[in-house]
Amino acid sequence: MTRTRGVRWNLRKLMAAQDMFQTTELVPLLAERGVHLSREQVYRLVTQPPQRLSMDTLAALCDILACTPNDLIEVVEVRRQVAKPAAGGDTTAAAPPARRTRLRRPEGL
């Protein structure tokens, strides 16, 4: 078993504590603080942990929710199971080839 670090993104929980249940409620509050994001961007920000987050956005969220970055982002330990070769099996056998998926270009492009 390997141990790695991950993050727990608590934005939705902190919003609920402030009686904010719609992601669109954040759009004007962020705009008041100079952070202009679309409704779709705010939705993604609320529903999934961001891979990158600007300091301006982080500061605005902390101001809106009266919290600290530590309240928004928790570093947690993630345990992952490492696959072991089958006992007594041939470890030189090749894995089946991965299936390839052909992407289609959207119509009109």
C-alpha atoms as a PDB file:
ATOM      1  CA  MET A   1       0.000   0.000   0.000  1.00  0.00           C
ATOM      2  CA  THR A   2       1.392   3.403  -0.933  1.00  0.00           C
ATOM      3  CA  ARG A   3       0.597   6.653   0.790  1.00  0.00           C
ATOM      4  CA  THR A   4       0.224   9.880  -1.078  1.00  0.00           C
ATOM      5  CA  ARG A   5      -1.204  13.269  -0.260  1.00  0.00           C
ATOM      6  CA  GLY A   6      -4.429  14.611  -1.639  1.00  0.00           C
ATOM      7  CA  VAL A   7      -6.719  17.517  -0.885  1.00  0.00           C
ATOM      8  CA  ARG A   8     -10.230  17.782   0.426  1.00  0.00           C
ATOM      9  CA  TRP A   9     -11.990  20.827  -1.067  1.00  0.00           C
ATOM     10  CA  ASN A  10     -14.496  22.217   1.441  1.00  0.00           C
ATOM     11  CA  LEU A  11     -16.013  25.078  -0.561  1.00  0.00           C
ATOM     12  CA  ARG A  12     -19.485  23.533  -0.837  1.00  0.00           C
ATOM     13  CA  LYS A  13     -19.563  22.753   2.899  1.00  0.00           C
ATOM     14  CA  LEU A  14     -18.501  26.306   3.810  1.00  0.00           C
ATOM     15  CA  MET A  15     -21.103  27.764   1.453  1.00  0.00           C
ATOM     16  CA  ALA A  16     -23.820  25.637   3.086  1.00  0.00           C
ATOM     17  CA  ALA A  17     -22.748  26.902   6.510  1.00  0.00           C
ATOM     18  CA  GLN A  18     -23.487  30.432   5.167  1.00  0.00           C
ATOM     19  CA  ASP A  19     -26.881  29.297   3.764  1.00  0.00           C
ATOM     20  CA  MET A  20     -25.571  29.496   0.202  1.00  0.00           C
ATOM     21  CA  PHE A  21     -26.826  26.507  -1.760  1.00  0.00           C
ATOM     22  CA  GLN A  22     -26.711  27.739  -5.356  1.00  0.00           C
ATOM     23  CA  THR A  23     -23.347  28.028  -7.068  1.00  0.00           C
ATOM     24  CA  THR A  24     -24.643  31.063  -8.959  1.00  0.00           C
ATOM     25  CA  GLU A  25     -24.864  32.976  -5.661  1.00  0.00           C
ATOM     26  CA  LEU A  26     -21.057  33.232  -5.708  1.00  0.00           C
ATOM     27  CA  VAL A  27     -20.824  34.928  -9.114  1.00  0.00           C
ATOM     28  CA  PRO A  28     -21.823  38.476  -8.023  1.00  0.00           C
ATOM     29  CA  LEU A  29     -19.997  38.159  -4.691  1.00  0.00           C
ATOM     30  CA  LEU A  30     -16.771  37.259  -6.476  1.00  0.00           C
ATOM     31  CA  ALA A  31     -17.328  40.067  -9.023  1.00  0.00           C
ATOM     32  CA  GLU A  32     -17.650  42.595  -6.160  1.00  0.00           C
ATOM     33  CA  ARG A  33     -14.137  41.558  -5.168  1.00  0.00           C
ATOM     34  CA  GLY A  34     -12.702  41.847  -8.683  1.00  0.00           C
ATOM     35  CA  VAL A  35     -12.880  38.148  -9.602  1.00  0.00           C
ATOM     36  CA  HIS A  36     -14.908  37.713 -12.788  1.00  0.00           C
ATOM     37  CA  LEU A  37     -15.782  34.087 -13.474  1.00  0.00           C
ATOM     38  CA  SER A  38     -18.568  32.637 -15.599  1.00  0.00           C
ATOM     39  CA  ARG A  39     -21.378  30.611 -14.037  1.00  0.00           C
ATOM     40  CA  GLU A  40     -19.793  27.463 -15.485  1.00  0.00           C
ATOM     41  CA  GLN A  41     -16.391  28.271 -13.988  1.00  0.00           C
ATOM     42  CA  VAL A  42     -17.940  28.906 -10.571  1.00  0.00           C
ATOM     43  CA  TYR A  43     -19.909  25.661 -10.825  1.00  0.00           C
ATOM     44  CA  ARG A  44     -16.697  23.709 -11.479  1.00  0.00           C
ATOM     45  CA  LEU A  45     -14.933  25.592  -8.685  1.00  0.00           C
ATOM     46  CA  VAL A  46     -17.639  24.581  -6.212  1.00  0.00           C
ATOM     47  CA  THR A  47     -18.207  20.992  -7.323  1.00  0.00           C
ATOM     48  CA  GLN A  48     -14.658  19.744  -7.845  1.00  0.00           C
ATOM     49  CA  PRO A  49     -11.260  20.525  -6.326  1.00  0.00           C
ATOM     50  CA  PRO A  50      -9.393  22.972  -8.561  1.00  0.00           C
ATOM     51  CA  GLN A  51      -5.987  21.956  -9.897  1.00  0.00           C
ATOM     52  CA  ARG A  52      -4.952  25.617  -9.951  1.00  0.00           C
ATOM     53  CA  LEU A  53      -6.429  28.527  -8.049  1.00  0.00           C
ATOM     54  CA  SER A  54      -5.385  32.159  -8.294  1.00  0.00           C
ATOM     55  CA  MET A  55      -4.512  34.002  -5.102  1.00  0.00           C
ATOM     56  CA  ASP A  56      -7.151  36.624  -5.956  1.00  0.00           C
ATOM     57  CA  THR A  57      -9.849  33.953  -6.147  1.00  0.00           C
ATOM     58  CA  LEU A  58      -8.653  32.295  -2.937  1.00  0.00           C
ATOM     59  CA  ALA A  59      -8.632  35.643  -1.104  1.00  0.00           C
ATOM     60  CA  ALA A  60     -12.115  36.494  -2.414  1.00  0.00           C
ATOM     61  CA  LEU A  61     -13.524  33.116  -1.317  1.00  0.00           C
ATOM     62  CA  CYS A  62     -11.987  33.529   2.136  1.00  0.00           C
ATOM     63  CA  ASP A  63     -13.482  37.024   2.412  1.00  0.00           C
ATOM     64  CA  ILE A  64     -16.941  35.916   1.237  1.00  0.00           C
ATOM     65  CA  LEU A  65     -17.041  32.904   3.557  1.00  0.00           C
ATOM     66  CA  ALA A  66     -15.173  34.514   6.492  1.00  0.00           C
ATOM     67  CA  CYS A  67     -12.694  31.649   6.531  1.00  0.00           C
ATOM     68  CA  THR A  68      -8.999  30.911   6.021  1.00  0.00           C
ATOM     69  CA  PRO A  69      -7.322  28.924   3.233  1.00  0.00           C
ATOM     70  CA  ASN A  70      -6.908  26.087   5.757  1.00  0.00           C
ATOM     71  CA  ASP A  71     -10.691  25.926   6.082  1.00  0.00           C
ATOM     72  CA  LEU A  72     -11.100  25.607   2.312  1.00  0.00           C
ATOM     73  CA  ILE A  73      -8.266  23.190   1.620  1.00  0.00           C
ATOM     74  CA  GLU A  74      -7.433  20.188   3.799  1.00  0.00           C
ATOM     75  CA  VAL A  75      -4.398  18.084   2.995  1.00  0.00           C
ATOM     76  CA  VAL A  76      -5.333  14.439   3.557  1.00  0.00           C
ATOM     77  CA  GLU A  77      -3.527  11.150   3.251  1.00  0.00           C
ATOM     78  CA  VAL A  78      -4.709   8.915   0.432  1.00  0.00           C
ATOM     79  CA  ARG A  79      -3.973   5.212   0.591  1.00  0.00           C
ATOM     80  CA  ARG A  80      -3.710   3.361  -2.679  1.00  0.00           C
ATOM     81  CA  GLN A  81      -3.454  -0.358  -3.183  1.00  0.00           C
ATOM     82  CA  VAL A  82      -0.466  -1.399  -5.286  1.00  0.00           C
ATOM     83  CA  ALA A  83      -1.159  -4.268  -7.682  1.00  0.00           C
ATOM     84  CA  LYS A  84       0.959  -7.330  -6.976  1.00  0.00           C
ATOM     85  CA  PRO A  85       1.773 -10.019  -9.552  1.00  0.00           C
ATOM     86  CA  ALA A  86      -0.161 -13.262  -9.132  1.00  0.00           C
ATOM     87  CA  ALA A  87       1.648 -15.844  -6.989  1.00  0.00           C
ATOM     88  CA  GLY A  88       3.428 -18.435  -9.122  1.00  0.00           C
ATOM     89  CA  GLY A  89       2.265 -16.748 -12.316  1.00  0.00           C
ATOM     90  CA  ASP A  90       4.371 -15.702 -15.240  1.00  0.00           C
ATOM     91  CA  THR A  91       5.445 -12.119 -14.556  1.00  0.00           C
ATOM     92  CA  THR A  92       6.703 -11.669 -18.121  1.00  0.00           C
ATOM     93  CA  ALA A  93       3.267 -11.989 -19.739  1.00  0.00           C
ATOM     94  CA  ALA A  94       2.243  -8.873 -21.574  1.00  0.00           C
ATOM     95  CA  ALA A  95      -0.891  -7.009 -20.596  1.00  0.00           C
ATOM     96  CA  PRO A  96      -3.650  -6.970 -23.205  1.00  0.00           C
ATOM     97  CA  PRO A  97      -3.348  -3.999 -25.550  1.00  0.00           C
ATOM     98  CA  ALA A  98      -5.307  -0.907 -24.594  1.00  0.00           C
ATOM     99  CA  ARG A  99      -8.344  -0.157 -26.722  1.00  0.00           C
ATOM    100  CA  ARG A 100      -8.039   2.937 -28.808  1.00  0.00           C
ATOM    101  CA  THR A 101     -10.967   5.254 -29.184  1.00  0.00           C
ATOM    102  CA  ARG A 102     -11.271   7.388 -32.264  1.00  0.00           C
ATOM    103  CA  LEU A 103     -12.364  10.934 -31.516  1.00  0.00           C
ATOM    104  CA  ARG A 104     -14.808  12.487 -33.921  1.00  0.00           C
ATOM    105  CA  ARG A 105     -14.672  16.072 -34.951  1.00  0.00           C
ATOM    106  CA  PRO A 106     -17.903  17.928 -34.091  1.00  0.00           C
ATOM    107  CA  GLU A 107     -20.069  18.709 -37.103  1.00  0.00           C
ATOM    108  CA  GLY A 108     -19.671  22.134 -38.588  1.00  0.00           C
ATOM    109  CA  LEU A 109     -15.942  22.504 -37.871  1.00  0.00           C
END
